[in-house]
Amino acid sequence: MSFPKLAEAFGENSIRVLAAALDREHAIELAGDLLVASGRVTPDYTTAMVEVLDTHGPYFVIAPGIALAHAKPSESVLATGLSLVTLAEPIVFGNEANDPVKLVFGLCAVDHDSHIQMLGELSTLLSNNESVNILLNAVDTEQIRSLF
């Protein structure tokens, strides 16, 4: 199975494995920093993602161990894309059903529709236990990129 939209969504410098996060805000900042490094957003978007957590809580912890951090489309989004941080040590986000989190995806979109196909592919990938195990146990970015 291939995921062309995901391959496109994860730009250069958009994946980091075995990162150390101090807390949930720092984990989101790490994912946002990768979106900045891949040229998808400005640093303001990272700030907005943390504000979403502060305002709305950890609703974006979407499955056991998996968070999909995001903010709404704005001028700080340069292109639709994804980032991924795998955490060396899981972090509690405050979502009882799905804590602790080990995979933090960052999502940015230029509008409300352009990312739908990409999210469909991500959903398919994350519904496959073998793929999730590869993400959880990856020791380098190439192991993750091989999934796409």
Protein backbone atom coordinates (compact mmCIF):
# COMPACT_ATOMS: atom_id res chain seq x y z
CA MET A 1 0.00 0.00 0.00
CA SER A 2 1.32 3.43 -0.87
CA PHE A 3 0.36 6.83 0.46
CA PRO A 4 1.25 9.48 -2.14
CA LYS A 5 -0.50 12.33 -0.29
CA LEU A 6 1.41 11.49 2.90
CA ALA A 7 4.70 11.24 1.04
CA GLU A 8 4.01 14.75 -0.29
CA ALA A 9 2.72 16.07 3.06
CA PHE A 10 5.86 15.13 4.99
CA GLY A 11 8.38 17.56 3.55
CA GLU A 12 12.12 17.64 4.10
CA ASN A 13 12.97 17.98 7.83
CA SER A 14 9.41 17.16 8.92
CA ILE A 15 10.10 13.98 10.95
CA ARG A 16 12.07 13.58 14.17
CA VAL A 17 12.43 10.32 16.05
CA LEU A 18 13.03 9.69 19.75
CA ALA A 19 12.77 13.34 20.79
CA ALA A 20 12.69 14.35 24.43
CA ALA A 21 9.71 16.52 25.37
CA LEU A 22 9.41 18.20 28.75
CA ASP A 23 5.59 18.36 28.72
CA ARG A 24 2.62 18.37 26.32
CA GLU A 25 3.20 21.97 25.22
CA HIS A 26 6.82 21.21 24.43
CA ALA A 27 5.77 18.12 22.44
CA ILE A 28 3.46 20.32 20.35
CA GLU A 29 6.21 22.91 19.92
CA LEU A 30 8.54 20.19 18.61
CA ALA A 31 5.93 19.17 16.01
CA GLY A 32 5.42 22.84 15.09
CA ASP A 33 9.16 23.43 14.79
CA LEU A 34 9.29 20.64 12.19
CA LEU A 35 6.48 22.29 10.21
CA VAL A 36 8.55 25.49 10.27
CA ALA A 37 11.74 23.61 9.29
CA SER A 38 9.93 21.99 6.35
CA GLY A 39 8.78 25.39 5.08
CA ARG A 40 5.06 24.76 5.65
CA VAL A 41 4.37 27.39 8.33
CA THR A 42 5.80 30.39 10.14
CA PRO A 43 6.62 30.18 13.87
CA ASP A 44 3.27 31.89 14.63
CA TYR A 45 1.51 28.65 13.68
CA THR A 46 3.36 26.72 16.39
CA THR A 47 2.18 29.29 18.93
CA ALA A 48 -1.39 28.90 17.63
CA MET A 49 -1.23 25.09 18.04
CA VAL A 50 -0.25 25.46 21.71
CA GLU A 51 -3.06 28.03 22.17
CA VAL A 52 -5.57 25.48 20.78
CA LEU A 53 -4.45 23.02 23.46
CA ASP A 54 -4.70 25.69 26.17
CA THR A 55 -8.15 26.81 25.00
CA HIS A 56 -9.82 23.54 24.01
CA GLY A 57 -7.88 20.88 25.90
CA PRO A 58 -6.35 17.69 24.51
CA TYR A 59 -9.21 16.80 22.12
CA PHE A 60 -6.68 16.18 19.36
CA VAL A 61 -5.33 13.08 21.11
CA ILE A 62 -7.15 10.99 18.51
CA ALA A 63 -6.20 7.42 19.42
CA PRO A 64 -4.22 5.63 22.12
CA GLY A 65 -0.76 7.21 22.12
CA ILE A 66 -1.41 9.47 19.12
CA ALA A 67 -1.96 13.24 18.98
CA LEU A 68 -2.76 15.30 15.87
CA ALA A 69 -1.88 18.86 16.87
CA HIS A 70 -3.20 21.65 14.66
CA ALA A 71 -4.64 25.13 14.52
CA LYS A 72 -7.05 26.70 12.07
CA PRO A 73 -5.92 27.87 8.63
CA SER A 74 -4.32 31.32 8.73
CA GLU A 75 -1.76 33.49 6.99
CA SER A 76 0.92 31.68 9.02
CA VAL A 77 0.30 28.53 6.91
CA LEU A 78 2.43 28.60 3.77
CA ALA A 79 1.48 25.13 2.47
CA THR A 80 -0.57 22.16 3.65
CA GLY A 81 1.54 19.53 5.35
CA LEU A 82 2.35 17.21 8.23
CA SER A 83 5.12 16.67 10.71
CA LEU A 84 5.78 13.83 13.11
CA VAL A 85 7.66 13.65 16.38
CA THR A 86 8.12 10.26 18.02
CA LEU A 87 8.79 10.76 21.71
CA ALA A 88 11.53 8.86 23.54
CA GLU A 89 9.31 8.92 26.65
CA PRO A 90 5.50 9.15 26.40
CA ILE A 91 3.85 12.35 27.65
CA VAL A 92 0.49 12.70 29.43
CA PHE A 93 -1.72 15.14 27.53
CA GLY A 94 -4.75 14.91 29.83
CA ASN A 95 -6.90 12.69 27.59
CA GLU A 96 -7.83 9.78 29.87
CA ALA A 97 -8.91 7.47 27.06
CA ASN A 98 -5.75 7.85 24.96
CA ASP A 99 -2.86 8.89 27.25
CA PRO A 100 0.09 8.76 27.32
CA VAL A 101 1.13 10.07 23.89
CA LYS A 102 4.19 8.81 22.02
CA LEU A 103 3.40 10.01 18.46
CA VAL A 104 2.74 13.72 17.91
CA PHE A 105 1.67 14.69 14.40
CA GLY A 106 1.56 18.35 13.43
CA LEU A 107 -1.04 19.29 10.80
CA CYS A 108 -1.31 22.53 8.90
CA ALA A 109 -3.69 23.40 6.09
CA VAL A 110 -4.08 26.45 3.87
CA ASP A 111 -7.89 26.07 3.89
CA HIS A 112 -10.64 23.86 5.31
CA ASP A 113 -10.67 21.32 2.44
CA SER A 114 -7.21 20.78 0.93
CA HIS A 115 -6.06 18.35 3.62
CA ILE A 116 -9.01 15.92 3.52
CA GLN A 117 -7.39 13.33 1.22
CA MET A 118 -4.17 13.54 3.18
CA LEU A 119 -6.05 12.88 6.43
CA GLY A 120 -7.81 9.94 4.78
CA GLU A 121 -4.43 8.38 4.00
CA LEU A 122 -3.20 9.12 7.52
CA SER A 123 -6.32 7.45 8.94
CA THR A 124 -5.72 4.35 6.80
CA LEU A 125 -2.07 4.23 7.89
CA LEU A 126 -2.96 4.61 11.58
CA SER A 127 -5.66 1.93 11.40
CA ASN A 128 -2.99 -0.64 10.48
CA ASN A 129 -1.39 -2.08 13.65
CA GLU A 130 1.79 -3.07 11.82
CA SER A 131 2.28 0.49 10.53
CA VAL A 132 1.64 1.98 13.97
CA ASN A 133 4.22 -0.40 15.47
CA ILE A 134 6.76 0.74 12.88
CA LEU A 135 6.06 4.38 13.84
CA LEU A 136 6.30 3.62 17.56
CA ASN A 137 9.56 1.68 17.27
CA ALA A 138 11.37 3.63 14.53
CA VAL A 139 14.95 4.55 15.29
CA ASP A 140 15.43 6.71 12.18
CA THR A 141 13.31 8.76 9.80
CA GLU A 142 13.84 6.39 6.87
CA GLN A 143 11.93 3.65 8.67
CA ILE A 144 8.97 6.03 8.86
CA ARG A 145 9.30 7.32 5.29
CA SER A 146 9.32 3.71 4.02
CA LEU A 147 5.67 3.47 5.08
CA PHE A 148 4.59 6.05 2.51
